[in-house]
Amino acid sequence: MVKLSVIVPFYNVQQYAPDTLRSLRANAREDFEFILVDDCSRDGTPDVLARAERELPGAVHVRHERNAGLATARNTGIDRARGAYLTFLDGDDWLAPGYLPRLLSAIEELGCDFVRADHVQCTGRARTVHRVPHGRRGVVLDPRAAILPADRSTCVDYPYAWAGVYHRRLADRGLLHFTDGLRTAEDRPWIWRLHREAASFAAVSLLGVHYRRGVASSLTQIGDVRQLDFIRAFDQVVAETAGDREADRLLPKAVRTYCAIISHHLGSLERFEPAVARKLKSLSAAALRRMPQDVLDEALDSMDARRATRLRRLRRRPAPAGAAA
């Protein structure tokens, strides 16, 4: 029986994949499987993964015939997974030795649907610890209770799929799958759905994932049109939350977070290609008009003057006919 499935998408990361794979070997166990999903890489990544399939215990190598993006690559891994529990890692990140057995022990002892863990952000030689934004540790809780308040960072603002472990029953219910085709912000609808619909979760003080920032090929560093998928992602968050039984309580958080992300991108327009920057403004203006306007008014009133002014100005901007994310 496979106890833990580790789903690892790779795309053009030949420089980093060997470190990732070495860290998996340092976590291998006879009841673990490592599902290595090559999302149609065009560099030397396929050769690295072919060797790993022979040398890494529990490795399962899957290759996409066309590039589909991180969300779809993760879904491929979920569909192939046989484990009682599932977790994720990105192909340019790495794990501390022995981390996965400790993570598995945490969820087995707690007996909940999912566990969220801290991580280490690595930017060059700098290391920064990022904590799950929830004060109670090692206690099984209602995931809904960790969504609010609207004006503070909460668990839905810590969306990293690889910062945790998940019981198979979530996959069986369809709660672990990502929205196919989302190329960025794919984990935002995912984390909101988990916290709205799962029955139990816990946060634990466990470090082991090392998240590599500043990778030149990462979408977070590229200012092309794929970045604009955050609009589709947050449209989904708002639409699904609006249909929730507690929509009145939860929508202010969803709308305020959406506004904060729009403001963040507008504040760094210089990193986008000129045509993409123009499209960002147009699509963001249309997104503001799609939001529940009374909830949007409250969100803007609660934000600092700089961001609120930027968003109100954008809200008044005429949208081209047919504008859509």
C-alpha atoms as a PDB file:
ATOM      1  CA  MET A   1       0.000   0.000   0.000  1.00  0.00           C
ATOM      2  CA  VAL A   2       1.235   3.486  -0.898  1.00  0.00           C
ATOM      3  CA  LYS A   3       0.978   5.715   2.144  1.00  0.00           C
ATOM      4  CA  LEU A   4       2.049   9.054   0.609  1.00  0.00           C
ATOM      5  CA  SER A   5       1.983  10.364  -2.980  1.00  0.00           C
ATOM      6  CA  VAL A   6       4.225  13.354  -3.697  1.00  0.00           C
ATOM      7  CA  ILE A   7       3.207  15.227  -6.869  1.00  0.00           C
ATOM      8  CA  VAL A   8       6.037  17.211  -8.477  1.00  0.00           C
ATOM      9  CA  PRO A   9       5.473  19.139 -11.738  1.00  0.00           C
ATOM     10  CA  PHE A  10       8.545  20.142 -13.760  1.00  0.00           C
ATOM     11  CA  TYR A  11       8.837  22.620 -16.613  1.00  0.00           C
ATOM     12  CA  ASN A  12      12.194  23.775 -18.008  1.00  0.00           C
ATOM     13  CA  VAL A  13      14.001  23.505 -14.673  1.00  0.00           C
ATOM     14  CA  GLN A  14      17.051  21.434 -15.601  1.00  0.00           C
ATOM     15  CA  GLN A  15      19.237  23.733 -13.479  1.00  0.00           C
ATOM     16  CA  TYR A  16      17.239  23.044 -10.308  1.00  0.00           C
ATOM     17  CA  ALA A  17      15.679  19.612 -10.846  1.00  0.00           C
ATOM     18  CA  PRO A  18      18.741  17.659  -9.589  1.00  0.00           C
ATOM     19  CA  ASP A  19      18.516  19.427  -6.192  1.00  0.00           C
ATOM     20  CA  THR A  20      14.787  18.709  -6.048  1.00  0.00           C
ATOM     21  CA  LEU A  21      15.306  15.039  -6.846  1.00  0.00           C
ATOM     22  CA  ARG A  22      18.161  14.635  -4.350  1.00  0.00           C
ATOM     23  CA  SER A  23      15.878  16.035  -1.665  1.00  0.00           C
ATOM     24  CA  LEU A  24      13.198  13.508  -2.607  1.00  0.00           C
ATOM     25  CA  ARG A  25      15.711  10.688  -2.302  1.00  0.00           C
ATOM     26  CA  ALA A  26      16.549  11.969   1.203  1.00  0.00           C
ATOM     27  CA  ASN A  27      12.832  11.556   2.016  1.00  0.00           C
ATOM     28  CA  ALA A  28      12.172   8.258   0.258  1.00  0.00           C
ATOM     29  CA  ARG A  29      10.428   5.394   2.007  1.00  0.00           C
ATOM     30  CA  GLU A  30       9.182   2.092   0.647  1.00  0.00           C
ATOM     31  CA  ASP A  31       5.544   3.207   0.995  1.00  0.00           C
ATOM     32  CA  PHE A  32       6.089   6.609  -0.692  1.00  0.00           C
ATOM     33  CA  GLU A  33       5.665   7.371  -4.401  1.00  0.00           C
ATOM     34  CA  PHE A  34       6.983  10.395  -6.280  1.00  0.00           C
ATOM     35  CA  ILE A  35       4.912  11.358  -9.314  1.00  0.00           C
ATOM     36  CA  LEU A  36       7.216  13.409 -11.550  1.00  0.00           C
ATOM     37  CA  VAL A  37       5.101  15.271 -14.123  1.00  0.00           C
ATOM     38  CA  ASP A  38       7.066  16.797 -16.998  1.00  0.00           C
ATOM     39  CA  ASP A  39       4.864  19.534 -18.471  1.00  0.00           C
ATOM     40  CA  CYS A  40       6.438  19.236 -21.941  1.00  0.00           C
ATOM     41  CA  SER A  41       9.816  20.771 -21.024  1.00  0.00           C
ATOM     42  CA  ARG A  42      11.984  21.975 -23.914  1.00  0.00           C
ATOM     43  CA  ASP A  43      15.350  21.925 -22.100  1.00  0.00           C
ATOM     44  CA  GLY A  44      17.245  19.054 -20.488  1.00  0.00           C
ATOM     45  CA  THR A  45      14.598  18.375 -17.834  1.00  0.00           C
ATOM     46  CA  PRO A  46      13.211  15.225 -19.553  1.00  0.00           C
ATOM     47  CA  ASP A  47      16.661  13.579 -19.438  1.00  0.00           C
ATOM     48  CA  VAL A  48      17.026  14.434 -15.737  1.00  0.00           C
ATOM     49  CA  LEU A  49      13.625  12.880 -15.023  1.00  0.00           C
ATOM     50  CA  ALA A  50      14.340   9.786 -17.103  1.00  0.00           C
ATOM     51  CA  ARG A  51      17.382   9.121 -14.909  1.00  0.00           C
ATOM     52  CA  ALA A  52      15.342   9.791 -11.782  1.00  0.00           C
ATOM     53  CA  GLU A  53      12.769   7.202 -12.852  1.00  0.00           C
ATOM     54  CA  ARG A  54      15.547   4.601 -12.749  1.00  0.00           C
ATOM     55  CA  GLU A  55      17.353   5.839  -9.638  1.00  0.00           C
ATOM     56  CA  LEU A  56      14.751   7.346  -7.276  1.00  0.00           C
ATOM     57  CA  PRO A  57      12.817   4.745  -5.267  1.00  0.00           C
ATOM     58  CA  GLY A  58       9.089   5.098  -5.884  1.00  0.00           C
ATOM     59  CA  ALA A  59       9.468   7.414  -8.906  1.00  0.00           C
ATOM     60  CA  VAL A  60       6.675   7.523 -11.502  1.00  0.00           C
ATOM     61  CA  HIS A  61       7.535   9.587 -14.594  1.00  0.00           C
ATOM     62  CA  VAL A  62       4.639  11.156 -16.553  1.00  0.00           C
ATOM     63  CA  ARG A  63       5.120  13.444 -19.565  1.00  0.00           C
ATOM     64  CA  HIS A  64       2.632  15.874 -21.117  1.00  0.00           C
ATOM     65  CA  GLU A  65       2.698  16.021 -24.910  1.00  0.00           C
ATOM     66  CA  ARG A  66       1.936  19.754 -24.759  1.00  0.00           C
ATOM     67  CA  ASN A  67       2.565  22.381 -22.114  1.00  0.00           C
ATOM     68  CA  ALA A  68      -0.591  22.789 -20.031  1.00  0.00           C
ATOM     69  CA  GLY A  69       0.540  24.789 -17.002  1.00  0.00           C
ATOM     70  CA  LEU A  70       1.053  24.082 -13.329  1.00  0.00           C
ATOM     71  CA  ALA A  71      -2.616  23.549 -12.442  1.00  0.00           C
ATOM     72  CA  THR A  72      -3.134  20.886 -15.087  1.00  0.00           C
ATOM     73  CA  ALA A  73       0.206  19.222 -14.296  1.00  0.00           C
ATOM     74  CA  ARG A  74      -0.806  18.908 -10.652  1.00  0.00           C
ATOM     75  CA  ASN A  75      -4.150  17.441 -11.714  1.00  0.00           C
ATOM     76  CA  THR A  76      -2.318  14.839 -13.774  1.00  0.00           C
ATOM     77  CA  GLY A  77      -0.391  13.870 -10.659  1.00  0.00           C
ATOM     78  CA  ILE A  78      -3.524  13.743  -8.498  1.00  0.00           C
ATOM     79  CA  ASP A  79      -5.202  11.439 -11.020  1.00  0.00           C
ATOM     80  CA  ARG A  80      -2.189   9.079 -10.965  1.00  0.00           C
ATOM     81  CA  ALA A  81      -1.715   9.145  -7.186  1.00  0.00           C
ATOM     82  CA  ARG A  82      -2.344   5.934  -5.228  1.00  0.00           C
ATOM     83  CA  GLY A  83      -1.448   7.162  -1.748  1.00  0.00           C
ATOM     84  CA  ALA A  84      -3.655   7.401   1.317  1.00  0.00           C
ATOM     85  CA  TYR A  85      -2.295  10.955   1.606  1.00  0.00           C
ATOM     86  CA  LEU A  86      -1.089  13.446  -1.017  1.00  0.00           C
ATOM     87  CA  THR A  87       1.300  16.366  -0.999  1.00  0.00           C
ATOM     88  CA  PHE A  88       2.991  18.590  -3.574  1.00  0.00           C
ATOM     89  CA  LEU A  89       6.372  20.066  -4.420  1.00  0.00           C
ATOM     90  CA  ASP A  90       7.408  22.304  -7.313  1.00  0.00           C
ATOM     91  CA  GLY A  91      10.215  21.183  -9.590  1.00  0.00           C
ATOM     92  CA  ASP A  92      12.579  24.020  -8.613  1.00  0.00           C
ATOM     93  CA  ASP A  93      12.111  23.703  -4.829  1.00  0.00           C
ATOM     94  CA  TRP A  94      13.495  21.183  -2.341  1.00  0.00           C
ATOM     95  CA  LEU A  95      12.839  19.435   0.973  1.00  0.00           C
ATOM     96  CA  ALA A  96      14.882  19.011   4.132  1.00  0.00           C
ATOM     97  CA  PRO A  97      15.965  15.402   4.784  1.00  0.00           C
ATOM     98  CA  GLY A  98      13.322  13.437   6.650  1.00  0.00           C
ATOM     99  CA  TYR A  99      10.656  16.138   6.284  1.00  0.00           C
ATOM    100  CA  LEU A 100       8.015  14.013   4.552  1.00  0.00           C
ATOM    101  CA  PRO A 101       7.895  11.272   7.228  1.00  0.00           C
ATOM    102  CA  ARG A 102       7.412  13.981   9.875  1.00  0.00           C
ATOM    103  CA  LEU A 103       4.668  15.646   7.833  1.00  0.00           C
ATOM    104  CA  LEU A 104       2.900  12.315   7.354  1.00  0.00           C
ATOM    105  CA  SER A 105       3.127  11.547  11.070  1.00  0.00           C
ATOM    106  CA  ALA A 106       1.520  14.923  11.850  1.00  0.00           C
ATOM    107  CA  ILE A 107      -1.618  14.291   9.809  1.00  0.00           C
ATOM    108  CA  GLU A 108      -1.897  10.663  10.943  1.00  0.00           C
ATOM    109  CA  GLU A 109      -1.735  11.701  14.596  1.00  0.00           C
ATOM    110  CA  LEU A 110      -4.217  14.556  14.148  1.00  0.00           C
ATOM    111  CA  GLY A 111      -6.633  12.569  11.970  1.00  0.00           C
ATOM    112  CA  CYS A 112      -7.898  15.632  10.064  1.00  0.00           C
ATOM    113  CA  ASP A 113      -8.614  16.308   6.381  1.00  0.00           C
ATOM    114  CA  PHE A 114      -5.520  18.421   5.818  1.00  0.00           C
ATOM    115  CA  VAL A 115      -2.533  19.902   7.624  1.00  0.00           C
ATOM    116  CA  ARG A 116      -0.799  23.174   6.764  1.00  0.00           C
ATOM    117  CA  ALA A 117       2.899  23.715   7.507  1.00  0.00           C
ATOM    118  CA  ASP A 118       5.400  26.573   7.545  1.00  0.00           C
ATOM    119  CA  HIS A 119       8.093  26.987   4.872  1.00  0.00           C
ATOM    120  CA  VAL A 120      11.446  28.618   4.152  1.00  0.00           C
ATOM    121  CA  GLN A 121      11.621  31.156   1.331  1.00  0.00           C
ATOM    122  CA  CYS A 122      14.994  31.137  -0.425  1.00  0.00           C
ATOM    123  CA  THR A 123      16.010  34.182  -2.463  1.00  0.00           C
ATOM    124  CA  GLY A 124      19.619  33.795  -3.518  1.00  0.00           C
ATOM    125  CA  ARG A 125      21.488  33.133  -0.261  1.00  0.00           C
ATOM    126  CA  ALA A 126      18.815  34.772   1.919  1.00  0.00           C
ATOM    127  CA  ARG A 127      16.500  32.554   3.972  1.00  0.00           C
ATOM    128  CA  THR A 128      13.183  33.748   5.437  1.00  0.00           C
ATOM    129  CA  VAL A 129      10.757  31.635   7.451  1.00  0.00           C
ATOM    130  CA  HIS A 130       7.091  32.069   6.532  1.00  0.00           C
ATOM    131  CA  ARG A 131       4.499  30.820   9.000  1.00  0.00           C
ATOM    132  CA  VAL A 132       0.959  29.643   8.454  1.00  0.00           C
ATOM    133  CA  PRO A 133      -1.056  32.742   9.487  1.00  0.00           C
ATOM    134  CA  HIS A 134      -2.899  30.950  12.263  1.00  0.00           C
ATOM    135  CA  GLY A 135      -1.998  31.103  15.927  1.00  0.00           C
ATOM    136  CA  ARG A 136      -3.279  27.749  17.171  1.00  0.00           C
ATOM    137  CA  ARG A 137      -0.922  24.890  16.360  1.00  0.00           C
ATOM    138  CA  GLY A 138      -1.403  21.150  16.517  1.00  0.00           C
ATOM    139  CA  VAL A 139      -5.156  21.461  17.175  1.00  0.00           C
ATOM    140  CA  VAL A 140      -7.872  20.145  14.844  1.00  0.00           C
ATOM    141  CA  LEU A 141     -10.143  23.019  13.786  1.00  0.00           C
ATOM    142  CA  ASP A 142     -12.962  23.936  11.422  1.00  0.00           C
ATOM    143  CA  PRO A 143     -11.360  25.242   8.188  1.00  0.00           C
ATOM    144  CA  ARG A 144     -14.092  27.881   7.825  1.00  0.00           C
ATOM    145  CA  ALA A 145     -12.993  29.439  11.077  1.00  0.00           C
ATOM    146  CA  ALA A 146      -9.621  30.250   9.490  1.00  0.00           C
ATOM    147  CA  ILE A 147     -10.990  32.323   6.572  1.00  0.00           C
ATOM    148  CA  LEU A 148     -11.814  35.512   8.484  1.00  0.00           C
ATOM    149  CA  PRO A 149     -11.292  38.301   9.501  1.00  0.00           C
ATOM    150  CA  ALA A 150     -11.444  40.165   6.208  1.00  0.00           C
ATOM    151  CA  ASP A 151      -8.868  42.818   7.088  1.00  0.00           C
ATOM    152  CA  ARG A 152      -6.089  40.509   8.310  1.00  0.00           C
ATOM    153  CA  SER A 153      -3.919  37.839   6.731  1.00  0.00           C
ATOM    154  CA  THR A 154      -5.522  34.433   7.253  1.00  0.00           C
ATOM    155  CA  CYS A 155      -5.086  30.877   6.028  1.00  0.00           C
ATOM    156  CA  VAL A 156      -6.666  31.604   2.616  1.00  0.00           C
ATOM    157  CA  ASP A 157      -3.863  34.140   2.079  1.00  0.00           C
ATOM    158  CA  TYR A 158      -1.325  31.313   2.495  1.00  0.00           C
ATOM    159  CA  PRO A 159      -2.327  29.351  -0.605  1.00  0.00           C
ATOM    160  CA  TYR A 160       0.800  27.274  -1.283  1.00  0.00           C
ATOM    161  CA  ALA A 161      -0.265  23.734  -2.146  1.00  0.00           C
ATOM    162  CA  TRP A 162       3.150  22.337  -1.201  1.00  0.00           C
ATOM    163  CA  ALA A 163       2.880  23.742   2.350  1.00  0.00           C
ATOM    164  CA  GLY A 164       0.857  20.854   3.687  1.00  0.00           C
ATOM    165  CA  VAL A 165      -0.473  17.319   3.311  1.00  0.00           C
ATOM    166  CA  TYR A 166      -3.972  16.156   2.363  1.00  0.00           C
ATOM    167  CA  HIS A 167      -6.085  13.069   3.022  1.00  0.00           C
ATOM    168  CA  ARG A 168      -7.171  11.079  -0.026  1.00  0.00           C
ATOM    169  CA  ARG A 169     -10.827  11.618   0.825  1.00  0.00           C
ATOM    170  CA  LEU A 170     -10.386  15.237  -0.316  1.00  0.00           C
ATOM    171  CA  ALA A 171      -9.256  14.053  -3.758  1.00  0.00           C
ATOM    172  CA  ASP A 172     -12.144  11.582  -3.887  1.00  0.00           C
ATOM    173  CA  ARG A 173     -14.538  14.491  -3.237  1.00  0.00           C
ATOM    174  CA  GLY A 174     -12.908  16.598  -5.981  1.00  0.00           C
ATOM    175  CA  LEU A 175     -11.554  19.167  -3.539  1.00  0.00           C
ATOM    176  CA  LEU A 176      -7.867  18.727  -4.384  1.00  0.00           C
ATOM    177  CA  HIS A 177      -8.071  19.327  -8.126  1.00  0.00           C
ATOM    178  CA  PHE A 178      -7.056  22.702  -9.544  1.00  0.00           C
ATOM    179  CA  THR A 179      -8.820  24.721 -12.245  1.00  0.00           C
ATOM    180  CA  ASP A 180      -7.362  23.390 -15.502  1.00  0.00           C
ATOM    181  CA  GLY A 181      -5.490  25.927 -17.585  1.00  0.00           C
ATOM    182  CA  LEU A 182      -4.813  28.518 -14.882  1.00  0.00           C
ATOM    183  CA  ARG A 183      -1.195  29.553 -15.367  1.00  0.00           C
ATOM    184  CA  THR A 184      -0.869  31.700 -12.265  1.00  0.00           C
ATOM    185  CA  ALA A 185      -2.854  32.115  -9.005  1.00  0.00           C
ATOM    186  CA  GLU A 186      -4.014  28.524  -9.555  1.00  0.00           C
ATOM    187  CA  ASP A 187      -3.846  27.897  -5.807  1.00  0.00           C
ATOM    188  CA  ARG A 188      -6.259  30.728  -4.857  1.00  0.00           C
ATOM    189  CA  PRO A 189      -9.586  29.067  -5.821  1.00  0.00           C
ATOM    190  CA  TRP A 190      -8.084  25.815  -4.523  1.00  0.00           C
ATOM    191  CA  ILE A 191      -7.307  27.062  -1.000  1.00  0.00           C
ATOM    192  CA  TRP A 192     -10.645  28.842  -0.698  1.00  0.00           C
ATOM    193  CA  ARG A 193     -12.495  25.686  -1.713  1.00  0.00           C
ATOM    194  CA  LEU A 194     -10.567  23.631   0.841  1.00  0.00           C
ATOM    195  CA  HIS A 195     -11.390  26.022   3.657  1.00  0.00           C
ATOM    196  CA  ARG A 196     -15.045  26.287   2.676  1.00  0.00           C
ATOM    197  CA  GLU A 197     -15.742  22.603   2.069  1.00  0.00           C
ATOM    198  CA  ALA A 198     -13.337  20.387   4.014  1.00  0.00           C
ATOM    199  CA  ALA A 199     -14.413  19.239   7.470  1.00  0.00           C
ATOM    200  CA  SER A 200     -11.213  19.652   9.492  1.00  0.00           C
ATOM    201  CA  PHE A 201      -7.664  20.965   9.372  1.00  0.00           C
ATOM    202  CA  ALA A 202      -4.706  21.841  11.559  1.00  0.00           C
ATOM    203  CA  ALA A 203      -1.635  24.057  11.341  1.00  0.00           C
ATOM    204  CA  VAL A 204       1.684  22.644  12.562  1.00  0.00           C
ATOM    205  CA  SER A 205       5.057  24.179  13.339  1.00  0.00           C
ATOM    206  CA  LEU A 206       7.031  22.048  10.928  1.00  0.00           C
ATOM    207  CA  LEU A 207       9.687  23.406   8.563  1.00  0.00           C
ATOM    208  CA  GLY A 208      11.002  21.436   5.613  1.00  0.00           C
ATOM    209  CA  VAL A 209       9.890  22.935   2.302  1.00  0.00           C
ATOM    210  CA  HIS A 210      12.413  25.314   0.752  1.00  0.00           C
ATOM    211  CA  TYR A 211      10.649  27.583  -1.742  1.00  0.00           C
ATOM    212  CA  ARG A 212      12.976  29.105  -4.319  1.00  0.00           C
ATOM    213  CA  ARG A 213      12.102  32.721  -5.233  1.00  0.00           C
ATOM    214  CA  GLY A 214      13.602  34.814  -8.002  1.00  0.00           C
ATOM    215  CA  VAL A 215      13.881  32.021 -10.582  1.00  0.00           C
ATOM    216  CA  ALA A 216      14.081  33.767 -13.963  1.00  0.00           C
ATOM    217  CA  SER A 217      11.730  31.297 -15.677  1.00  0.00           C
ATOM    218  CA  SER A 218       9.084  31.487 -12.928  1.00  0.00           C
ATOM    219  CA  LEU A 219       5.791  33.104 -13.903  1.00  0.00           C
ATOM    220  CA  THR A 220       6.070  35.341 -10.846  1.00  0.00           C
ATOM    221  CA  GLN A 221       9.096  36.910 -12.558  1.00  0.00           C
ATOM    222  CA  ILE A 222       7.642  37.167 -16.085  1.00  0.00           C
ATOM    223  CA  GLY A 223       5.426  40.091 -17.073  1.00  0.00           C
ATOM    224  CA  ASP A 224       3.577  38.477 -19.954  1.00  0.00           C
ATOM    225  CA  VAL A 225      -0.112  37.783 -20.492  1.00  0.00           C
ATOM    226  CA  ARG A 226      -0.068  34.611 -18.403  1.00  0.00           C
ATOM    227  CA  GLN A 227       0.144  36.788 -15.287  1.00  0.00           C
ATOM    228  CA  LEU A 228      -3.382  37.988 -15.990  1.00  0.00           C
ATOM    229  CA  ASP A 229      -4.823  34.591 -15.109  1.00  0.00           C
ATOM    230  CA  PHE A 230      -5.100  35.924 -11.552  1.00  0.00           C
ATOM    231  CA  ILE A 231      -8.285  37.664 -12.750  1.00  0.00           C
ATOM    232  CA  ARG A 232      -9.895  34.390 -13.803  1.00  0.00           C
ATOM    233  CA  ALA A 233      -8.717  32.809 -10.564  1.00  0.00           C
ATOM    234  CA  PHE A 234     -10.229  35.489  -8.329  1.00  0.00           C
ATOM    235  CA  ASP A 235     -13.394  35.724 -10.414  1.00  0.00           C
ATOM    236  CA  GLN A 236     -13.807  32.054  -9.534  1.00  0.00           C
ATOM    237  CA  VAL A 237     -13.139  32.719  -5.838  1.00  0.00           C
ATOM    238  CA  VAL A 238     -15.759  35.475  -5.728  1.00  0.00           C
ATOM    239  CA  ALA A 239     -18.355  33.528  -7.738  1.00  0.00           C
ATOM    240  CA  GLU A 240     -18.017  30.370  -5.641  1.00  0.00           C
ATOM    241  CA  THR A 241     -18.020  32.302  -2.384  1.00  0.00           C
ATOM    242  CA  ALA A 242     -21.127  34.207  -3.479  1.00  0.00           C
ATOM    243  CA  GLY A 243     -22.893  30.845  -3.721  1.00  0.00           C
ATOM    244  CA  ASP A 244     -21.813  29.743  -0.261  1.00  0.00           C
ATOM    245  CA  ARG A 245     -24.293  29.394   2.587  1.00  0.00           C
ATOM    246  CA  GLU A 246     -22.304  32.038   4.492  1.00  0.00           C
ATOM    247  CA  ALA A 247     -21.779  34.375   1.560  1.00  0.00           C
ATOM    248  CA  ASP A 248     -22.681  37.454   3.600  1.00  0.00           C
ATOM    249  CA  ARG A 249     -19.836  36.730   6.029  1.00  0.00           C
ATOM    250  CA  LEU A 250     -17.218  35.470   3.578  1.00  0.00           C
ATOM    251  CA  LEU A 251     -17.645  37.690   0.505  1.00  0.00           C
ATOM    252  CA  PRO A 252     -16.027  40.768   2.128  1.00  0.00           C
ATOM    253  CA  LYS A 253     -12.822  38.758   2.573  1.00  0.00           C
ATOM    254  CA  ALA A 254     -12.863  37.456  -1.018  1.00  0.00           C
ATOM    255  CA  VAL A 255     -13.536  40.887  -2.514  1.00  0.00           C
ATOM    256  CA  ARG A 256     -11.003  42.685  -0.331  1.00  0.00           C
ATOM    257  CA  THR A 257      -8.286  40.170  -1.215  1.00  0.00           C
ATOM    258  CA  TYR A 258      -9.110  40.484  -4.925  1.00  0.00           C
ATOM    259  CA  CYS A 259      -8.820  44.273  -4.632  1.00  0.00           C
ATOM    260  CA  ALA A 260      -5.479  43.997  -2.835  1.00  0.00           C
ATOM    261  CA  ILE A 261      -4.073  41.757  -5.589  1.00  0.00           C
ATOM    262  CA  ILE A 262      -5.273  44.115  -8.328  1.00  0.00           C
ATOM    263  CA  SER A 263      -3.689  47.051  -6.504  1.00  0.00           C
ATOM    264  CA  HIS A 264      -0.446  45.103  -6.093  1.00  0.00           C
ATOM    265  CA  HIS A 265      -0.186  44.453  -9.828  1.00  0.00           C
ATOM    266  CA  LEU A 266      -1.105  48.036 -10.715  1.00  0.00           C
ATOM    267  CA  GLY A 267       1.663  49.206  -8.405  1.00  0.00           C
ATOM    268  CA  SER A 268       4.293  47.352 -10.430  1.00  0.00           C
ATOM    269  CA  LEU A 269       3.167  47.987 -14.008  1.00  0.00           C
ATOM    270  CA  GLU A 270       6.748  48.547 -15.118  1.00  0.00           C
ATOM    271  CA  ARG A 271       7.458  44.794 -14.968  1.00  0.00           C
ATOM    272  CA  PHE A 272       4.761  44.051 -17.561  1.00  0.00           C
ATOM    273  CA  GLU A 273       5.081  44.254 -21.315  1.00  0.00           C
ATOM    274  CA  PRO A 274       3.332  47.482 -22.469  1.00  0.00           C
ATOM    275  CA  ALA A 275       0.437  45.698 -24.175  1.00  0.00           C
ATOM    276  CA  VAL A 276      -0.042  43.473 -21.120  1.00  0.00           C
ATOM    277  CA  ALA A 277      -0.020  46.510 -18.805  1.00  0.00           C
ATOM    278  CA  ARG A 278      -2.806  48.094 -20.841  1.00  0.00           C
ATOM    279  CA  LYS A 279      -4.779  44.855 -20.776  1.00  0.00           C
ATOM    280  CA  LEU A 280      -4.235  44.550 -17.030  1.00  0.00           C
ATOM    281  CA  LYS A 281      -5.827  47.970 -16.467  1.00  0.00           C
ATOM    282  CA  SER A 282      -8.761  47.205 -18.742  1.00  0.00           C
ATOM    283  CA  LEU A 283      -9.484  43.746 -17.309  1.00  0.00           C
ATOM    284  CA  SER A 284      -9.049  44.957 -13.736  1.00  0.00           C
ATOM    285  CA  ALA A 285     -11.541  47.784 -14.307  1.00  0.00           C
ATOM    286  CA  ALA A 286     -14.044  45.275 -15.673  1.00  0.00           C
ATOM    287  CA  ALA A 287     -13.376  42.970 -12.707  1.00  0.00           C
ATOM    288  CA  LEU A 288     -14.162  45.749 -10.234  1.00  0.00           C
ATOM    289  CA  ARG A 289     -17.482  46.350 -11.955  1.00  0.00           C
ATOM    290  CA  ARG A 290     -18.329  42.623 -11.787  1.00  0.00           C
ATOM    291  CA  MET A 291     -17.894  42.488  -8.030  1.00  0.00           C
ATOM    292  CA  PRO A 292     -20.901  42.959  -5.725  1.00  0.00           C
ATOM    293  CA  GLN A 293     -20.844  46.760  -5.586  1.00  0.00           C
ATOM    294  CA  ASP A 294     -21.999  47.139  -1.988  1.00  0.00           C
ATOM    295  CA  VAL A 295     -19.307  44.708  -0.839  1.00  0.00           C
ATOM    296  CA  LEU A 296     -16.739  46.494  -3.011  1.00  0.00           C
ATOM    297  CA  ASP A 297     -17.665  49.851  -1.452  1.00  0.00           C
ATOM    298  CA  GLU A 298     -17.054  48.415   2.020  1.00  0.00           C
ATOM    299  CA  ALA A 299     -13.750  46.880   0.932  1.00  0.00           C
ATOM    300  CA  LEU A 300     -12.466  50.150  -0.520  1.00  0.00           C
ATOM    301  CA  ASP A 301     -13.548  52.077   2.578  1.00  0.00           C
ATOM    302  CA  SER A 302     -11.497  49.659   4.714  1.00  0.00           C
ATOM    303  CA  MET A 303      -8.281  50.010   2.683  1.00  0.00           C
ATOM    304  CA  ASP A 304      -5.548  52.621   3.016  1.00  0.00           C
ATOM    305  CA  ALA A 305      -6.005  55.824   1.033  1.00  0.00           C
ATOM    306  CA  ARG A 306      -3.322  55.064  -1.563  1.00  0.00           C
ATOM    307  CA  ARG A 307      -4.758  51.726  -2.620  1.00  0.00           C
ATOM    308  CA  ALA A 308      -8.373  52.833  -2.339  1.00  0.00           C
ATOM    309  CA  THR A 309      -7.743  55.896  -4.531  1.00  0.00           C
ATOM    310  CA  ARG A 310      -5.957  53.801  -7.158  1.00  0.00           C
ATOM    311  CA  LEU A 311      -8.840  51.315  -7.306  1.00  0.00           C
ATOM    312  CA  ARG A 312     -11.606  53.941  -7.309  1.00  0.00           C
ATOM    313  CA  ARG A 313      -9.896  55.696 -10.216  1.00  0.00           C
ATOM    314  CA  LEU A 314      -9.665  52.414 -12.075  1.00  0.00           C
ATOM    315  CA  ARG A 315     -13.307  51.601 -11.306  1.00  0.00           C
ATOM    316  CA  ARG A 316     -14.377  54.761 -13.169  1.00  0.00           C
ATOM    317  CA  ARG A 317     -12.312  53.818 -16.225  1.00  0.00           C
ATOM    318  CA  PRO A 318     -14.482  52.951 -19.267  1.00  0.00           C
ATOM    319  CA  ALA A 319     -14.087  49.322 -20.246  1.00  0.00           C
ATOM    320  CA  PRO A 320     -13.743  48.354 -23.917  1.00  0.00           C
ATOM    321  CA  ALA A 321     -16.689  46.385 -25.256  1.00  0.00           C
ATOM    322  CA  GLY A 322     -16.220  42.656 -24.841  1.00  0.00           C
ATOM    323  CA  ALA A 323     -13.408  42.928 -22.307  1.00  0.00           C
ATOM    324  CA  ALA A 324     -12.960  39.600 -20.526  1.00  0.00           C
ATOM    325  CA  ALA A 325     -10.228  37.766 -18.639  1.00  0.00           C
END
